[in-house]
C-alpha atoms as a PDB file:
ATOM      1  CA  PHE A   1      35.789  14.966   9.767  1.00  0.00           C
ATOM      2  CA  ALA A   2      34.052  12.419  11.994  1.00  0.00           C
ATOM      3  CA  SER A   3      30.770  13.152  10.235  1.00  0.00           C
ATOM      4  CA  SER A   4      32.402  12.606   6.859  1.00  0.00           C
ATOM      5  CA  MET A   5      33.801   9.247   7.960  1.00  0.00           C
ATOM      6  CA  LYS A   6      30.371   8.202   9.164  1.00  0.00           C
ATOM      7  CA  ASP A   7      28.808   9.076   5.797  1.00  0.00           C
ATOM      8  CA  HIS A   8      31.291   6.816   4.009  1.00  0.00           C
ATOM      9  CA  GLU A   9      30.939   3.955   6.474  1.00  0.00           C
ATOM     10  CA  VAL A  10      30.019   0.682   4.778  1.00  0.00           C
ATOM     11  CA  LYS A  11      26.605  -0.507   5.880  1.00  0.00           C
ATOM     12  CA  PRO A  12      26.246  -4.116   7.099  1.00  0.00           C
ATOM     13  CA  PHE A  13      24.236  -6.863   5.459  1.00  0.00           C
ATOM     14  CA  SER A  14      20.501  -6.567   6.139  1.00  0.00           C
ATOM     15  CA  TRP A  15      18.252  -9.608   6.142  1.00  0.00           C
ATOM     16  CA  LYS A  16      15.255  -7.299   5.932  1.00  0.00           C
ATOM     17  CA  ASN A  17      16.498  -5.843   2.643  1.00  0.00           C
ATOM     18  CA  PHE A  18      17.477  -9.301   1.418  1.00  0.00           C
ATOM     19  CA  ILE A  19      13.899 -10.531   1.901  1.00  0.00           C
ATOM     20  CA  LYS A  20      12.705  -7.501  -0.058  1.00  0.00           C
ATOM     21  CA  THR A  21      15.195  -8.287  -2.827  1.00  0.00           C
ATOM     22  CA  VAL A  22      14.115 -11.899  -3.356  1.00  0.00           C
ATOM     23  CA  PRO A  23      10.779 -10.989  -5.037  1.00  0.00           C
ATOM     24  CA  ILE A  24      12.693  -8.653  -7.347  1.00  0.00           C
ATOM     25  CA  TRP A  25      14.945 -11.527  -8.447  1.00  0.00           C
ATOM     26  CA  MET A  26      11.933 -13.812  -8.881  1.00  0.00           C
ATOM     27  CA  GLY A  27      10.277 -11.142 -10.995  1.00  0.00           C
ATOM     28  CA  PHE A  28      13.303 -10.887 -13.256  1.00  0.00           C
ATOM     29  CA  PHE A  29      13.310 -14.678 -13.631  1.00  0.00           C
ATOM     30  CA  ILE A  30       9.631 -14.784 -14.647  1.00  0.00           C
ATOM     31  CA  PHE A  31      10.136 -11.866 -16.999  1.00  0.00           C
ATOM     32  CA  GLY A  32      13.047 -13.689 -18.611  1.00  0.00           C
ATOM     33  CA  ILE A  33      10.716 -16.560 -19.495  1.00  0.00           C
ATOM     34  CA  CYS A  34       7.826 -14.331 -20.600  1.00  0.00           C
ATOM     35  CA  ASP A  35      10.067 -12.046 -22.668  1.00  0.00           C
ATOM     36  CA  CYS A  36      11.689 -14.914 -24.538  1.00  0.00           C
ATOM     37  CA  ILE A  37       8.799 -17.378 -24.848  1.00  0.00           C
ATOM     38  CA  ARG A  38       7.515 -15.697 -28.003  1.00  0.00           C
ATOM     39  CA  GLY A  39      10.522 -16.694 -30.072  1.00  0.00           C
ATOM     40  CA  PRO A  40      10.210 -20.491 -29.685  1.00  0.00           C
ATOM     41  CA  THR A  41       6.408 -20.351 -30.086  1.00  0.00           C
ATOM     42  CA  ILE A  42       6.175 -17.842 -32.946  1.00  0.00           C
ATOM     43  CA  LEU A  43       5.124 -20.516 -35.467  1.00  0.00           C
ATOM     44  CA  ASP A  44       2.386 -21.742 -33.145  1.00  0.00           C
ATOM     45  CA  LEU A  45       1.039 -18.200 -32.885  1.00  0.00           C
ATOM     46  CA  LYS A  46       1.198 -17.961 -36.674  1.00  0.00           C
ATOM     47  CA  ASP A  47      -0.861 -21.154 -37.009  1.00  0.00           C
ATOM     48  CA  ILE A  48      -3.488 -20.037 -34.501  1.00  0.00           C
ATOM     49  CA  LEU A  49      -3.981 -16.687 -36.227  1.00  0.00           C
ATOM     50  CA  ASP A  50      -3.596 -18.104 -39.745  1.00  0.00           C
ATOM     51  CA  VAL A  51      -1.350 -15.218 -40.825  1.00  0.00           C
ATOM     52  CA  GLU A  52       1.950 -14.890 -42.640  1.00  0.00           C
ATOM     53  CA  ILE A  53       5.177 -15.116 -40.675  1.00  0.00           C
ATOM     54  CA  SER A  54       6.015 -11.563 -41.739  1.00  0.00           C
ATOM     55  CA  GLU A  55       2.859 -10.323 -39.988  1.00  0.00           C
ATOM     56  CA  ILE A  56       3.247 -12.206 -36.720  1.00  0.00           C
ATOM     57  CA  SER A  57       6.941 -11.325 -36.525  1.00  0.00           C
ATOM     58  CA  LEU A  58       5.979  -7.695 -35.969  1.00  0.00           C
ATOM     59  CA  ILE A  59       5.107  -8.576 -32.380  1.00  0.00           C
ATOM     60  CA  PHE A  60       8.820  -8.261 -31.623  1.00  0.00           C
ATOM     61  CA  THR A  61       8.831  -4.726 -33.028  1.00  0.00           C
ATOM     62  CA  PHE A  62       5.850  -3.706 -30.909  1.00  0.00           C
ATOM     63  CA  PHE A  63       7.357  -5.423 -27.874  1.00  0.00           C
ATOM     64  CA  SER A  64      10.564  -3.418 -28.322  1.00  0.00           C
ATOM     65  CA  MET A  65       8.600  -0.182 -28.729  1.00  0.00           C
ATOM     66  CA  GLY A  66       6.726  -0.867 -25.504  1.00  0.00           C
ATOM     67  CA  SER A  67       9.943  -1.786 -23.714  1.00  0.00           C
ATOM     68  CA  LEU A  68      11.526   1.505 -24.765  1.00  0.00           C
ATOM     69  CA  ALA A  69       8.522   3.436 -23.469  1.00  0.00           C
ATOM     70  CA  GLY A  70       8.626   1.502 -20.189  1.00  0.00           C
ATOM     71  CA  CYS A  71      12.319   2.251 -19.690  1.00  0.00           C
ATOM     72  CA  ILE A  72      11.800   5.962 -20.364  1.00  0.00           C
ATOM     73  CA  LEU A  73       8.722   6.352 -18.141  1.00  0.00           C
ATOM     74  CA  SER A  74       9.869   4.094 -15.300  1.00  0.00           C
ATOM     75  CA  SER A  75      11.853   6.800 -13.508  1.00  0.00           C
ATOM     76  CA  LEU A  76       8.949   9.253 -13.727  1.00  0.00           C
ATOM     77  CA  ILE A  77       6.458   6.677 -12.473  1.00  0.00           C
ATOM     78  CA  LEU A  78       8.638   5.449  -9.603  1.00  0.00           C
ATOM     79  CA  ASP A  79       9.627   8.967  -8.529  1.00  0.00           C
ATOM     80  CA  THR A  80       5.987  10.045  -8.496  1.00  0.00           C
ATOM     81  CA  LEU A  81       4.829   6.903  -6.681  1.00  0.00           C
ATOM     82  CA  ARG A  82       7.931   6.335  -4.573  1.00  0.00           C
ATOM     83  CA  LYS A  83       5.890   5.197  -1.582  1.00  0.00           C
ATOM     84  CA  TYR A  84       4.301   2.490  -3.747  1.00  0.00           C
ATOM     85  CA  ARG A  85       7.460   1.337  -5.523  1.00  0.00           C
ATOM     86  CA  PHE A  86       6.875  -2.351  -4.813  1.00  0.00           C
ATOM     87  CA  LEU A  87       3.259  -2.101  -5.919  1.00  0.00           C
ATOM     88  CA  VAL A  88       4.357  -0.435  -9.169  1.00  0.00           C
ATOM     89  CA  LEU A  89       6.750  -3.287  -9.925  1.00  0.00           C
ATOM     90  CA  GLY A  90       4.058  -5.759  -8.901  1.00  0.00           C
ATOM     91  CA  GLY A  91       1.700  -3.999 -11.280  1.00  0.00           C
ATOM     92  CA  SER A  92       4.178  -4.573 -14.097  1.00  0.00           C
ATOM     93  CA  LEU A  93       3.881  -8.292 -13.329  1.00  0.00           C
ATOM     94  CA  LEU A  94       0.097  -8.108 -13.646  1.00  0.00           C
ATOM     95  CA  LEU A  95       0.422  -6.320 -16.988  1.00  0.00           C
ATOM     96  CA  MET A  96       2.871  -8.912 -18.237  1.00  0.00           C
ATOM     97  CA  GLY A  97       0.797 -11.802 -16.930  1.00  0.00           C
ATOM     98  CA  SER A  98      -2.521 -10.642 -18.385  1.00  0.00           C
ATOM     99  CA  SER A  99      -1.086  -9.679 -21.785  1.00  0.00           C
ATOM    100  CA  THR A 100       0.862 -12.941 -22.030  1.00  0.00           C
ATOM    101  CA  ALA A 101      -2.115 -15.108 -21.028  1.00  0.00           C
ATOM    102  CA  ALA A 102      -4.393 -13.403 -23.570  1.00  0.00           C
ATOM    103  CA  LEU A 103      -1.943 -13.544 -26.470  1.00  0.00           C
ATOM    104  CA  PRO A 104      -2.784 -16.996 -27.947  1.00  0.00           C
ATOM    105  CA  TYR A 105      -6.525 -16.375 -27.544  1.00  0.00           C
ATOM    106  CA  SER A 106      -6.558 -13.257 -29.723  1.00  0.00           C
ATOM    107  CA  TYR A 107      -7.615 -13.869 -33.330  1.00  0.00           C
ATOM    108  CA  ASN A 108      -7.197 -10.222 -34.340  1.00  0.00           C
ATOM    109  CA  ILE A 109      -3.665  -9.269 -35.399  1.00  0.00           C
ATOM    110  CA  PRO A 110      -3.965  -5.619 -34.185  1.00  0.00           C
ATOM    111  CA  VAL A 111      -4.931  -6.952 -30.746  1.00  0.00           C
ATOM    112  CA  ILE A 112      -1.834  -9.148 -30.800  1.00  0.00           C
ATOM    113  CA  TYR A 113       0.265  -6.082 -31.566  1.00  0.00           C
ATOM    114  CA  PHE A 114      -1.363  -4.143 -28.716  1.00  0.00           C
ATOM    115  CA  LEU A 115      -0.790  -6.980 -26.240  1.00  0.00           C
ATOM    116  CA  SER A 116       2.855  -7.164 -27.329  1.00  0.00           C
ATOM    117  CA  LEU A 117       3.146  -3.413 -26.770  1.00  0.00           C
ATOM    118  CA  VAL A 118       1.744  -3.801 -23.240  1.00  0.00           C
ATOM    119  CA  SER A 119       4.080  -6.716 -22.512  1.00  0.00           C
ATOM    120  CA  GLY A 120       7.054  -4.697 -23.691  1.00  0.00           C
ATOM    121  CA  PHE A 121       6.037  -1.706 -21.559  1.00  0.00           C
ATOM    122  CA  SER A 122       5.744  -3.853 -18.438  1.00  0.00           C
ATOM    123  CA  SER A 123       9.113  -5.454 -19.184  1.00  0.00           C
ATOM    124  CA  GLY A 124      10.842  -2.098 -19.602  1.00  0.00           C
ATOM    125  CA  LEU A 125       9.255  -0.801 -16.411  1.00  0.00           C
ATOM    126  CA  LYS A 126      10.290  -3.867 -14.439  1.00  0.00           C
ATOM    127  CA  MET A 127      13.824  -4.078 -15.833  1.00  0.00           C
ATOM    128  CA  THR A 128      14.716  -0.440 -15.229  1.00  0.00           C
ATOM    129  CA  GLY A 129      12.698   0.076 -12.063  1.00  0.00           C
ATOM    130  CA  GLY A 130      13.841  -3.212 -10.554  1.00  0.00           C
ATOM    131  CA  ASN A 131      17.507  -2.355 -11.013  1.00  0.00           C
ATOM    132  CA  VAL A 132      17.060   1.088  -9.454  1.00  0.00           C
ATOM    133  CA  LEU A 133      15.046  -0.283  -6.532  1.00  0.00           C
ATOM    134  CA  CYS A 134      17.605  -3.005  -5.862  1.00  0.00           C
ATOM    135  CA  ALA A 135      20.435  -0.444  -5.962  1.00  0.00           C
ATOM    136  CA  ASN A 136      18.555   1.796  -3.501  1.00  0.00           C
ATOM    137  CA  LEU A 137      17.969  -1.092  -1.106  1.00  0.00           C
ATOM    138  CA  TRP A 138      21.674  -1.942  -0.983  1.00  0.00           C
ATOM    139  CA  LYS A 139      23.123   1.548  -1.348  1.00  0.00           C
ATOM    140  CA  GLY A 140      26.189   2.002   0.831  1.00  0.00           C
ATOM    141  CA  THR A 141      26.889  -1.732   1.195  1.00  0.00           C
ATOM    142  CA  LYS A 142      29.489  -3.897  -0.471  1.00  0.00           C
ATOM    143  CA  PHE A 143      26.669  -6.084  -1.831  1.00  0.00           C
ATOM    144  CA  CYS A 144      25.073  -3.409  -4.018  1.00  0.00           C
ATOM    145  CA  SER A 145      26.713  -4.205  -7.366  1.00  0.00           C
ATOM    146  CA  SER A 146      26.537  -7.976  -6.825  1.00  0.00           C
ATOM    147  CA  PHE A 147      22.822  -7.981  -6.084  1.00  0.00           C
ATOM    148  CA  VAL A 148      22.028  -5.658  -8.981  1.00  0.00           C
ATOM    149  CA  HIS A 149      23.956  -7.974 -11.317  1.00  0.00           C
ATOM    150  CA  ALA A 150      21.954 -10.859  -9.835  1.00  0.00           C
ATOM    151  CA  ASN A 151      18.881  -9.268 -11.447  1.00  0.00           C
ATOM    152  CA  GLN A 152      20.363  -9.803 -14.887  1.00  0.00           C
ATOM    153  CA  PHE A 153      21.452 -13.322 -13.961  1.00  0.00           C
ATOM    154  CA  ALA A 154      17.877 -14.174 -12.917  1.00  0.00           C
ATOM    155  CA  TRP A 155      16.505 -12.762 -16.177  1.00  0.00           C
ATOM    156  CA  SER A 156      19.097 -14.652 -18.223  1.00  0.00           C
ATOM    157  CA  LEU A 157      18.278 -17.884 -16.405  1.00  0.00           C
ATOM    158  CA  GLY A 158      14.625 -17.420 -17.311  1.00  0.00           C
ATOM    159  CA  ALA A 159      15.563 -16.659 -20.921  1.00  0.00           C
ATOM    160  CA  VAL A 160      17.620 -19.863 -21.114  1.00  0.00           C
ATOM    161  CA  LEU A 161      14.739 -21.936 -19.739  1.00  0.00           C
ATOM    162  CA  ALA A 162      12.126 -20.378 -22.042  1.00  0.00           C
ATOM    163  CA  PRO A 163      12.758 -22.689 -25.053  1.00  0.00           C
ATOM    164  CA  ILE A 164      12.897 -25.723 -22.743  1.00  0.00           C
ATOM    165  CA  THR A 165       9.630 -24.677 -21.132  1.00  0.00           C
ATOM    166  CA  ALA A 166       7.968 -24.142 -24.511  1.00  0.00           C
ATOM    167  CA  LYS A 167       9.009 -27.439 -26.110  1.00  0.00           C
ATOM    168  CA  PRO A 168       6.317 -29.716 -24.567  1.00  0.00           C
ATOM    169  CA  PHE A 169       3.614 -27.272 -25.663  1.00  0.00           C
ATOM    170  CA  GLN A 170       4.693 -26.742 -29.259  1.00  0.00           C
ATOM    171  CA  THR A 171       2.353 -28.218 -31.872  1.00  0.00           C
ATOM    172  CA  HIS A 172       3.769 -26.747 -35.067  1.00  0.00           C
ATOM    173  CA  LYS A 173       5.709 -29.392 -36.992  1.00  0.00           C
ATOM    174  CA  SER A 174       7.938 -29.027 -40.039  1.00  0.00           C
ATOM    175  CA  ASN A 175       9.801 -31.591 -42.102  1.00  0.00           C
ATOM    176  CA  LYS A 176      13.504 -31.411 -42.895  1.00  0.00           C
ATOM    177  CA  ASN A 177      12.844 -29.295 -45.958  1.00  0.00           C
ATOM    178  CA  GLY A 178      11.059 -26.718 -43.810  1.00  0.00           C
ATOM    179  CA  GLN A 179       7.632 -27.437 -45.293  1.00  0.00           C
ATOM    180  CA  ASN A 180       4.681 -27.061 -42.956  1.00  0.00           C
ATOM    181  CA  MET A 181       3.397 -30.426 -41.688  1.00  0.00           C
ATOM    182  CA  ASN A 182       0.570 -28.858 -39.700  1.00  0.00           C
ATOM    183  CA  THR A 183      -1.474 -27.282 -42.482  1.00  0.00           C
ATOM    184  CA  THR A 184      -4.868 -27.964 -40.921  1.00  0.00           C
ATOM    185  CA  TYR A 185      -3.961 -26.658 -37.492  1.00  0.00           C
ATOM    186  CA  ALA A 186      -4.622 -23.007 -38.394  1.00  0.00           C
ATOM    187  CA  TYR A 187      -8.129 -23.786 -39.613  1.00  0.00           C
ATOM    188  CA  ILE A 188      -9.315 -26.201 -36.930  1.00  0.00           C
ATOM    189  CA  LYS A 189      -9.710 -23.983 -33.886  1.00  0.00           C
ATOM    190  CA  ASP A 190     -11.365 -26.458 -31.530  1.00  0.00           C
ATOM    191  CA  VAL A 191      -9.081 -29.472 -31.830  1.00  0.00           C
ATOM    192  CA  ASP A 192      -8.523 -31.177 -28.477  1.00  0.00           C
ATOM    193  CA  MET A 193      -4.767 -31.049 -29.084  1.00  0.00           C
ATOM    194  CA  GLN A 194      -4.874 -27.288 -28.569  1.00  0.00           C
ATOM    195  CA  LYS A 195      -5.711 -27.826 -24.902  1.00  0.00           C
ATOM    196  CA  TYR A 196      -2.086 -28.828 -24.481  1.00  0.00           C
ATOM    197  CA  SER A 197      -0.600 -26.207 -26.775  1.00  0.00           C
ATOM    198  CA  ILE A 198       0.621 -22.680 -26.106  1.00  0.00           C
ATOM    199  CA  ARG A 199      -2.966 -21.902 -25.118  1.00  0.00           C
ATOM    200  CA  THR A 200      -2.109 -23.779 -21.953  1.00  0.00           C
ATOM    201  CA  LEU A 201       1.463 -22.526 -21.591  1.00  0.00           C
ATOM    202  CA  TYR A 202       0.764 -18.797 -21.851  1.00  0.00           C
ATOM    203  CA  PRO A 203      -1.970 -18.746 -19.153  1.00  0.00           C
ATOM    204  CA  ILE A 204       0.327 -20.753 -16.866  1.00  0.00           C
ATOM    205  CA  LEU A 205       2.958 -18.034 -17.208  1.00  0.00           C
ATOM    206  CA  GLY A 206       0.298 -15.404 -16.617  1.00  0.00           C
ATOM    207  CA  SER A 207      -0.789 -17.195 -13.442  1.00  0.00           C
ATOM    208  CA  LEU A 208       2.785 -17.277 -12.166  1.00  0.00           C
ATOM    209  CA  CYS A 209       3.023 -13.518 -12.692  1.00  0.00           C
ATOM    210  CA  ALA A 210      -0.212 -12.999 -10.761  1.00  0.00           C
ATOM    211  CA  LEU A 211       1.014 -15.283  -7.961  1.00  0.00           C
ATOM    212  CA  LEU A 212       4.255 -13.353  -7.661  1.00  0.00           C
ATOM    213  CA  PHE A 213       2.266 -10.112  -7.497  1.00  0.00           C
ATOM    214  CA  THR A 214       1.015 -11.230  -4.068  1.00  0.00           C
ATOM    215  CA  CYS A 215       4.642 -11.362  -2.910  1.00  0.00           C
ATOM    216  CA  PHE A 216       5.064  -7.731  -3.931  1.00  0.00           C
ATOM    217  CA  ILE A 217       1.905  -6.793  -2.001  1.00  0.00           C
ATOM    218  CA  ILE A 218       3.331  -8.426   1.132  1.00  0.00           C
ATOM    219  CA  THR A 219       6.687  -6.728   0.567  1.00  0.00           C
ATOM    220  CA  HIS A 220       4.938  -3.374   0.121  1.00  0.00           C
ATOM    221  CA  CYS A 221       3.198  -3.843   3.483  1.00  0.00           C
ATOM    222  CA  LYS A 222       6.506  -4.695   5.154  1.00  0.00           C
ATOM    223  CA  ASP A 223       8.178  -1.752   3.425  1.00  0.00           C
ATOM    224  CA  ASP A 224       5.788   0.642   5.170  1.00  0.00           C
ATOM    225  CA  GLU A 225       6.624  -0.684   8.629  1.00  0.00           C
END
């Protein structure tokens, strides 16, 4: 009976686990921006590639396909590499960062689709794996559900800020009738204005993902102690 009571004893708050949880929240926040940045900048991507909107819109389909694959394979990957769980989630940040940074520099539509597939896979891996890891860190405490829900709050906050973040970098303009006012943009690839377009924004997001990866490396080292 005493052993049973001990098993059900509520564990206290742990600052060590809290420090490990912070990079997970930051990762969800960055992923919220990266996942949702494509919507506000879809017309800019269309102009850069000089394709129809129906073609570029398929990036959302490929992103969803990759996300589904990431969700399905995340448990297998994390169970197999349990000792490297923080590195796996950090690796998903590198995948997201590199595929996001390269997106506006790809003139080939199949490459765009592939990069969207990779981004979706990394997002699915991070979303599912991050929730499970956070739940494992706080298992047996009264903070478990709250901190897992905080993952979704961090992602949602990033999603809300994505259109605001994208606005200063948008170069596609339309008049009130919806007619394209930027007809030459798709054909002039080396215009100085593009230095301040999504070709600047996307690499910035990729750099943030890479920077956060270092936090996961540090956390992995502390996790082994």
